[in-house]
PDB file of all heavy atoms in Angstrom:
ATOM      1  N   LEU A   1      14.209   0.590 -51.164  1.00  0.00           N
ATOM      2  CA  LEU A   1      15.015  -0.620 -50.978  1.00  0.00           C
ATOM      3  C   LEU A   1      14.146  -1.792 -50.534  1.00  0.00           C
ATOM      4  O   LEU A   1      14.269  -2.912 -51.056  1.00  0.00           O
ATOM      5  CB  LEU A   1      16.108  -0.368 -49.937  1.00  0.00           C
ATOM      6  CG  LEU A   1      17.502  -0.015 -50.448  1.00  0.00           C
ATOM      7  CD1 LEU A   1      18.422   0.303 -49.280  1.00  0.00           C
ATOM      8  CD2 LEU A   1      18.080  -1.146 -51.292  1.00  0.00           C
ATOM      9  N   ILE A   2      13.269  -1.539 -49.573  1.00  0.00           N
ATOM     10  CA  ILE A   2      12.362  -2.597 -49.124  1.00  0.00           C
ATOM     11  C   ILE A   2      11.510  -3.071 -50.286  1.00  0.00           C
ATOM     12  O   ILE A   2      11.281  -4.280 -50.464  1.00  0.00           O
ATOM     13  CB  ILE A   2      11.466  -2.081 -47.973  1.00  0.00           C
ATOM     14  CG1 ILE A   2      12.303  -1.860 -46.714  1.00  0.00           C
ATOM     15  CG2 ILE A   2      10.331  -3.071 -47.684  1.00  0.00           C
ATOM     16  CD1 ILE A   2      12.899  -3.116 -46.120  1.00  0.00           C
ATOM     17  N   GLY A   3      11.029  -2.142 -51.092  1.00  0.00           N
ATOM     18  CA  GLY A   3      10.216  -2.509 -52.245  1.00  0.00           C
ATOM     19  C   GLY A   3      10.951  -3.406 -53.227  1.00  0.00           C
ATOM     20  O   GLY A   3      10.354  -4.261 -53.873  1.00  0.00           O
ATOM     21  N   ARG A   4      12.254  -3.226 -53.321  1.00  0.00           N
ATOM     22  CA  ARG A   4      13.038  -4.076 -54.217  1.00  0.00           C
ATOM     23  C   ARG A   4      13.315  -5.451 -53.617  1.00  0.00           C
ATOM     24  O   ARG A   4      13.413  -6.442 -54.337  1.00  0.00           O
ATOM     25  CB  ARG A   4      14.366  -3.396 -54.539  1.00  0.00           C
ATOM     26  CG  ARG A   4      14.254  -2.174 -55.433  1.00  0.00           C
ATOM     27  CD  ARG A   4      15.632  -1.703 -55.843  1.00  0.00           C
ATOM     28  NE  ARG A   4      15.554  -0.525 -56.691  1.00  0.00           N
ATOM     29  CZ  ARG A   4      16.620   0.072 -57.238  1.00  0.00           C
ATOM     30  NH1 ARG A   4      17.817  -0.423 -57.005  1.00  0.00           N
ATOM     31  NH2 ARG A   4      16.486   1.142 -57.995  1.00  0.00           N
ATOM     32  N   LEU A   5      13.462  -5.494 -52.306  1.00  0.00           N
ATOM     33  CA  LEU A   5      13.946  -6.714 -51.665  1.00  0.00           C
ATOM     34  C   LEU A   5      12.850  -7.718 -51.329  1.00  0.00           C
ATOM     35  O   LEU A   5      13.089  -8.924 -51.341  1.00  0.00           O
ATOM     36  CB  LEU A   5      14.724  -6.359 -50.388  1.00  0.00           C
ATOM     37  CG  LEU A   5      15.989  -5.505 -50.590  1.00  0.00           C
ATOM     38  CD1 LEU A   5      16.600  -5.149 -49.237  1.00  0.00           C
ATOM     39  CD2 LEU A   5      17.001  -6.221 -51.468  1.00  0.00           C
ATOM     40  N   VAL A   6      11.642  -7.251 -50.990  1.00  0.00           N
ATOM     41  CA  VAL A   6      10.588  -8.173 -50.546  1.00  0.00           C
ATOM     42  C   VAL A   6       9.727  -8.615 -51.731  1.00  0.00           C
ATOM     43  O   VAL A   6       9.641  -7.911 -52.728  1.00  0.00           O
ATOM     44  CB  VAL A   6       9.696  -7.533 -49.463  1.00  0.00           C
ATOM     45  CG1 VAL A   6      10.525  -7.050 -48.293  1.00  0.00           C
ATOM     46  CG2 VAL A   6       8.865  -6.379 -50.037  1.00  0.00           C
ATOM     47  N   PRO A   7       9.069  -9.775 -51.616  1.00  0.00           N
ATOM     48  CA  PRO A   7       8.136 -10.195 -52.667  1.00  0.00           C
ATOM     49  C   PRO A   7       7.011  -9.173 -52.823  1.00  0.00           C
ATOM     50  O   PRO A   7       6.549  -8.581 -51.842  1.00  0.00           O
ATOM     51  CB  PRO A   7       7.590 -11.536 -52.151  1.00  0.00           C
ATOM     52  CG  PRO A   7       8.622 -12.013 -51.192  1.00  0.00           C
ATOM     53  CD  PRO A   7       9.207 -10.784 -50.557  1.00  0.00           C
ATOM     54  N   ARG A   8       6.561  -8.999 -54.041  1.00  0.00           N
ATOM     55  CA  ARG A   8       5.571  -7.966 -54.320  1.00  0.00           C
ATOM     56  C   ARG A   8       4.284  -8.173 -53.524  1.00  0.00           C
ATOM     57  O   ARG A   8       3.674  -7.213 -53.057  1.00  0.00           O
ATOM     58  CB  ARG A   8       5.256  -7.946 -55.819  1.00  0.00           C
ATOM     59  CG  ARG A   8       4.278  -6.847 -56.227  1.00  0.00           C
ATOM     60  CD  ARG A   8       4.092  -6.814 -57.728  1.00  0.00           C
ATOM     61  NE  ARG A   8       3.189  -5.755 -58.119  1.00  0.00           N
ATOM     62  CZ  ARG A   8       2.840  -5.501 -59.374  1.00  0.00           C
ATOM     63  NH1 ARG A   8       3.352  -6.236 -60.354  1.00  0.00           N
ATOM     64  NH2 ARG A   8       2.010  -4.525 -59.657  1.00  0.00           N
ATOM     65  N   GLU A   9       3.864  -9.425 -53.357  1.00  0.00           N
ATOM     66  CA  GLU A   9       2.613  -9.696 -52.655  1.00  0.00           C
ATOM     67  C   GLU A   9       2.738  -9.479 -51.138  1.00  0.00           C
ATOM     68  O   GLU A   9       1.740  -9.560 -50.415  1.00  0.00           O
ATOM     69  CB  GLU A   9       2.146 -11.126 -52.932  1.00  0.00           C
ATOM     70  CG  GLU A   9       3.024 -12.241 -52.372  1.00  0.00           C
ATOM     71  CD  GLU A   9       4.172 -12.614 -53.293  1.00  0.00           C
ATOM     72  OE1 GLU A   9       4.383 -11.894 -54.310  1.00  0.00           O
ATOM     73  OE2 GLU A   9       4.852 -13.623 -53.020  1.00  0.00           O
ATOM     74  N   ARG A  10       3.934  -9.166 -50.665  1.00  0.00           N
ATOM     75  CA  ARG A  10       4.131  -8.903 -49.235  1.00  0.00           C
ATOM     76  C   ARG A  10       4.651  -7.484 -49.004  1.00  0.00           C
ATOM     77  O   ARG A  10       5.270  -7.188 -47.986  1.00  0.00           O
ATOM     78  CB  ARG A  10       5.099  -9.929 -48.639  1.00  0.00           C
ATOM     79  CG  ARG A  10       4.614 -11.366 -48.771  1.00  0.00           C
ATOM     80  CD  ARG A  10       5.531 -12.344 -48.083  1.00  0.00           C
ATOM     81  NE  ARG A  10       5.478 -12.191 -46.631  1.00  0.00           N
ATOM     82  CZ  ARG A  10       6.246 -12.903 -45.797  1.00  0.00           C
ATOM     83  NH1 ARG A  10       7.093 -13.794 -46.282  1.00  0.00           N
ATOM     84  NH2 ARG A  10       6.143 -12.720 -44.497  1.00  0.00           N
ATOM     85  N   LEU A  11       4.370  -6.597 -49.972  1.00  0.00           N
ATOM     86  CA  LEU A  11       4.874  -5.237 -49.888  1.00  0.00           C
ATOM     87  C   LEU A  11       4.327  -4.499 -48.669  1.00  0.00           C
ATOM     88  O   LEU A  11       5.065  -3.789 -47.982  1.00  0.00           O
ATOM     89  CB  LEU A  11       4.524  -4.465 -51.168  1.00  0.00           C
ATOM     90  CG  LEU A  11       4.984  -3.009 -51.201  1.00  0.00           C
ATOM     91  CD1 LEU A  11       6.493  -2.920 -51.094  1.00  0.00           C
ATOM     92  CD2 LEU A  11       4.487  -2.323 -52.474  1.00  0.00           C
ATOM     93  N   THR A  12       3.033  -4.650 -48.379  1.00  0.00           N
ATOM     94  CA  THR A  12       2.463  -3.958 -47.221  1.00  0.00           C
ATOM     95  C   THR A  12       3.180  -4.370 -45.948  1.00  0.00           C
ATOM     96  O   THR A  12       3.506  -3.537 -45.094  1.00  0.00           O
ATOM     97  CB  THR A  12       0.955  -4.271 -47.088  1.00  0.00           C
ATOM     98  OG1 THR A  12       0.284  -3.914 -48.296  1.00  0.00           O
ATOM     99  CG2 THR A  12       0.348  -3.494 -45.933  1.00  0.00           C
ATOM    100  N   GLU A  13       3.439  -5.667 -45.818  1.00  0.00           N
ATOM    101  CA  GLU A  13       4.135  -6.163 -44.634  1.00  0.00           C
ATOM    102  C   GLU A  13       5.547  -5.600 -44.542  1.00  0.00           C
ATOM    103  O   GLU A  13       5.996  -5.174 -43.468  1.00  0.00           O
ATOM    104  CB  GLU A  13       4.172  -7.694 -44.664  1.00  0.00           C
ATOM    105  CG  GLU A  13       4.767  -8.319 -43.416  1.00  0.00           C
ATOM    106  CD  GLU A  13       4.783  -9.842 -43.484  1.00  0.00           C
ATOM    107  OE1 GLU A  13       4.305 -10.404 -44.492  1.00  0.00           O
ATOM    108  OE2 GLU A  13       5.283 -10.452 -42.527  1.00  0.00           O
ATOM    109  N   GLY A  14       6.248  -5.573 -45.674  1.00  0.00           N
ATOM    110  CA  GLY A  14       7.605  -5.036 -45.675  1.00  0.00           C
ATOM    111  C   GLY A  14       7.642  -3.561 -45.308  1.00  0.00           C
ATOM    112  O   GLY A  14       8.451  -3.129 -44.481  1.00  0.00           O
ATOM    113  N   LEU A  15       6.758  -2.773 -45.921  1.00  0.00           N
ATOM    114  CA  LEU A  15       6.707  -1.349 -45.620  1.00  0.00           C
ATOM    115  C   LEU A  15       6.256  -1.099 -44.185  1.00  0.00           C
ATOM    116  O   LEU A  15       6.711  -0.148 -43.537  1.00  0.00           O
ATOM    117  CB  LEU A  15       5.766  -0.644 -46.598  1.00  0.00           C
ATOM    118  CG  LEU A  15       6.234  -0.588 -48.060  1.00  0.00           C
ATOM    119  CD1 LEU A  15       5.138  -0.004 -48.941  1.00  0.00           C
ATOM    120  CD2 LEU A  15       7.511   0.231 -48.185  1.00  0.00           C
ATOM    121  N   ALA A  16       5.361  -1.939 -43.698  1.00  0.00           N
ATOM    122  CA  ALA A  16       4.897  -1.775 -42.318  1.00  0.00           C
ATOM    123  C   ALA A  16       6.027  -2.015 -41.329  1.00  0.00           C
ATOM    124  O   ALA A  16       6.079  -1.386 -40.267  1.00  0.00           O
ATOM    125  CB  ALA A  16       3.735  -2.720 -42.033  1.00  0.00           C
ATOM    126  N   TRP A  17       6.949  -2.924 -41.662  1.00  0.00           N
ATOM    127  CA  TRP A  17       8.091  -3.138 -40.774  1.00  0.00           C
ATOM    128  C   TRP A  17       8.984  -1.909 -40.724  1.00  0.00           C
ATOM    129  O   TRP A  17       9.661  -1.656 -39.722  1.00  0.00           O
ATOM    130  CB  TRP A  17       8.897  -4.363 -41.205  1.00  0.00           C
ATOM    131  CG  TRP A  17       8.418  -5.605 -40.537  1.00  0.00           C
ATOM    132  CD1 TRP A  17       7.627  -6.597 -41.061  1.00  0.00           C
ATOM    133  CD2 TRP A  17       8.670  -5.994 -39.180  1.00  0.00           C
ATOM    134  NE1 TRP A  17       7.384  -7.555 -40.111  1.00  0.00           N
ATOM    135  CE2 TRP A  17       8.006  -7.214 -38.954  1.00  0.00           C
ATOM    136  CE3 TRP A  17       9.395  -5.425 -38.132  1.00  0.00           C
ATOM    137  CZ2 TRP A  17       8.052  -7.870 -37.721  1.00  0.00           C
ATOM    138  CZ3 TRP A  17       9.439  -6.067 -36.908  1.00  0.00           C
ATOM    139  CH2 TRP A  17       8.776  -7.292 -36.721  1.00  0.00           C
ATOM    140  N   MET A  18       8.989  -1.126 -41.800  1.00  0.00           N
ATOM    141  CA  MET A  18       9.708   0.149 -41.750  1.00  0.00           C
ATOM    142  C   MET A  18       9.066   1.049 -40.702  1.00  0.00           C
ATOM    143  O   MET A  18       9.749   1.688 -39.890  1.00  0.00           O
ATOM    144  CB  MET A  18       9.678   0.813 -43.122  1.00  0.00           C
ATOM    145  CG  MET A  18      10.455   0.058 -44.187  1.00  0.00           C
ATOM    146  SD  MET A  18      12.221   0.091 -43.891  1.00  0.00           S
ATOM    147  CE  MET A  18      12.610   1.742 -44.474  1.00  0.00           C
ATOM    148  N   GLY A  19       7.733   1.091 -40.709  1.00  0.00           N
ATOM    149  CA  GLY A  19       7.028   1.863 -39.697  1.00  0.00           C
ATOM    150  C   GLY A  19       7.227   1.291 -38.311  1.00  0.00           C
ATOM    151  O   GLY A  19       7.332   2.031 -37.319  1.00  0.00           O
ATOM    152  N   THR A  20       7.293  -0.038 -38.232  1.00  0.00           N
ATOM    153  CA  THR A  20       7.524  -0.695 -36.948  1.00  0.00           C
ATOM    154  C   THR A  20       8.882  -0.294 -36.377  1.00  0.00           C
ATOM    155  O   THR A  20       9.019  -0.015 -35.177  1.00  0.00           O
ATOM    156  CB  THR A  20       7.456  -2.220 -37.115  1.00  0.00           C
ATOM    157  OG1 THR A  20       6.134  -2.588 -37.487  1.00  0.00           O
ATOM    158  CG2 THR A  20       7.827  -2.930 -35.824  1.00  0.00           C
ATOM    159  N   GLY A  21       9.889  -0.268 -37.250  1.00  0.00           N
ATOM    160  CA  GLY A  21      11.211   0.160 -36.800  1.00  0.00           C
ATOM    161  C   GLY A  21      11.179   1.588 -36.272  1.00  0.00           C
ATOM    162  O   GLY A  21      11.742   1.885 -35.206  1.00  0.00           O
ATOM    163  N   ILE A  22      10.514   2.468 -37.000  1.00  0.00           N
ATOM    164  CA  ILE A  22      10.391   3.861 -36.556  1.00  0.00           C
ATOM    165  C   ILE A  22       9.671   3.916 -35.215  1.00  0.00           C
ATOM    166  O   ILE A  22      10.068   4.648 -34.297  1.00  0.00           O
ATOM    167  CB  ILE A  22       9.621   4.694 -37.602  1.00  0.00           C
ATOM    168  CG1 ILE A  22      10.462   4.893 -38.873  1.00  0.00           C
ATOM    169  CG2 ILE A  22       9.216   6.045 -37.010  1.00  0.00           C
ATOM    170  CD1 ILE A  22      11.588   5.883 -38.718  1.00  0.00           C
ATOM    171  N   GLY A  23       8.586   3.134 -35.083  1.00  0.00           N
ATOM    172  CA  GLY A  23       7.786   3.159 -33.857  1.00  0.00           C
ATOM    173  C   GLY A  23       8.547   2.678 -32.636  1.00  0.00           C
ATOM    174  O   GLY A  23       8.535   3.315 -31.581  1.00  0.00           O
ATOM    175  N   ILE A  24       9.209   1.527 -32.779  1.00  0.00           N
ATOM    176  CA  ILE A  24       9.993   1.003 -31.663  1.00  0.00           C
ATOM    177  C   ILE A  24      11.126   1.967 -31.316  1.00  0.00           C
ATOM    178  O   ILE A  24      11.413   2.235 -30.146  1.00  0.00           O
ATOM    179  CB  ILE A  24      10.555  -0.387 -32.002  1.00  0.00           C
ATOM    180  CG1 ILE A  24       9.410  -1.400 -32.135  1.00  0.00           C
ATOM    181  CG2 ILE A  24      11.546  -0.845 -30.936  1.00  0.00           C
ATOM    182  CD1 ILE A  24       9.863  -2.778 -32.550  1.00  0.00           C
ATOM    183  N   GLY A  25      11.756   2.507 -32.355  1.00  0.00           N
ATOM    184  CA  GLY A  25      12.831   3.455 -32.126  1.00  0.00           C
ATOM    185  C   GLY A  25      12.358   4.711 -31.421  1.00  0.00           C
ATOM    186  O   GLY A  25      13.006   5.199 -30.484  1.00  0.00           O
ATOM    187  N   ALA A  26      11.228   5.260 -31.868  1.00  0.00           N
ATOM    188  CA  ALA A  26      10.692   6.463 -31.240  1.00  0.00           C
ATOM    189  C   ALA A  26      10.363   6.201 -29.775  1.00  0.00           C
ATOM    190  O   ALA A  26      10.582   7.054 -28.906  1.00  0.00           O
ATOM    191  CB  ALA A  26       9.449   6.938 -31.981  1.00  0.00           C
ATOM    192  N   ALA A  27       9.853   4.994 -29.501  1.00  0.00           N
ATOM    193  CA  ALA A  27       9.536   4.637 -28.120  1.00  0.00           C
ATOM    194  C   ALA A  27      10.801   4.588 -27.272  1.00  0.00           C
ATOM    195  O   ALA A  27      10.866   5.164 -26.178  1.00  0.00           O
ATOM    196  CB  ALA A  27       8.839   3.276 -28.086  1.00  0.00           C
ATOM    197  N   ALA A  28      11.819   3.900 -27.786  1.00  0.00           N
ATOM    198  CA  ALA A  28      13.071   3.805 -27.043  1.00  0.00           C
ATOM    199  C   ALA A  28      13.725   5.173 -26.884  1.00  0.00           C
ATOM    200  O   ALA A  28      14.216   5.532 -25.804  1.00  0.00           O
ATOM    201  CB  ALA A  28      14.019   2.842 -27.758  1.00  0.00           C
ATOM    202  N   GLY A  29      13.726   5.939 -27.965  1.00  0.00           N
ATOM    203  CA  GLY A  29      14.357   7.259 -27.925  1.00  0.00           C
ATOM    204  C   GLY A  29      13.699   8.190 -26.929  1.00  0.00           C
ATOM    205  O   GLY A  29      14.381   8.871 -26.149  1.00  0.00           O
ATOM    206  N   SER A  30      12.357   8.245 -26.942  1.00  0.00           N
ATOM    207  CA  SER A  30      11.655   9.141 -26.019  1.00  0.00           C
ATOM    208  C   SER A  30      11.837   8.689 -24.573  1.00  0.00           C
ATOM    209  O   SER A  30      11.990   9.514 -23.666  1.00  0.00           O
ATOM    210  CB  SER A  30      10.163   9.205 -26.370  1.00  0.00           C
ATOM    211  OG  SER A  30       9.554   7.928 -26.259  1.00  0.00           O
ATOM    212  N   SER A  31      11.834   7.370 -24.357  1.00  0.00           N
ATOM    213  CA  SER A  31      11.995   6.849 -23.003  1.00  0.00           C
ATOM    214  C   SER A  31      13.391   7.132 -22.461  1.00  0.00           C
ATOM    215  O   SER A  31      13.550   7.626 -21.333  1.00  0.00           O
ATOM    216  CB  SER A  31      11.717   5.341 -22.992  1.00  0.00           C
ATOM    217  OG  SER A  31      11.802   4.828 -21.690  1.00  0.00           O
TER     218      SER A  31
END
């Protein structure tokens, strides 16, 4: 979905925000 929604030249940034969401969530969840 992210790949479809973001501009192609910003794909790394879009996919990285998916990882960012996981990271922030994992931090909040573990805490």
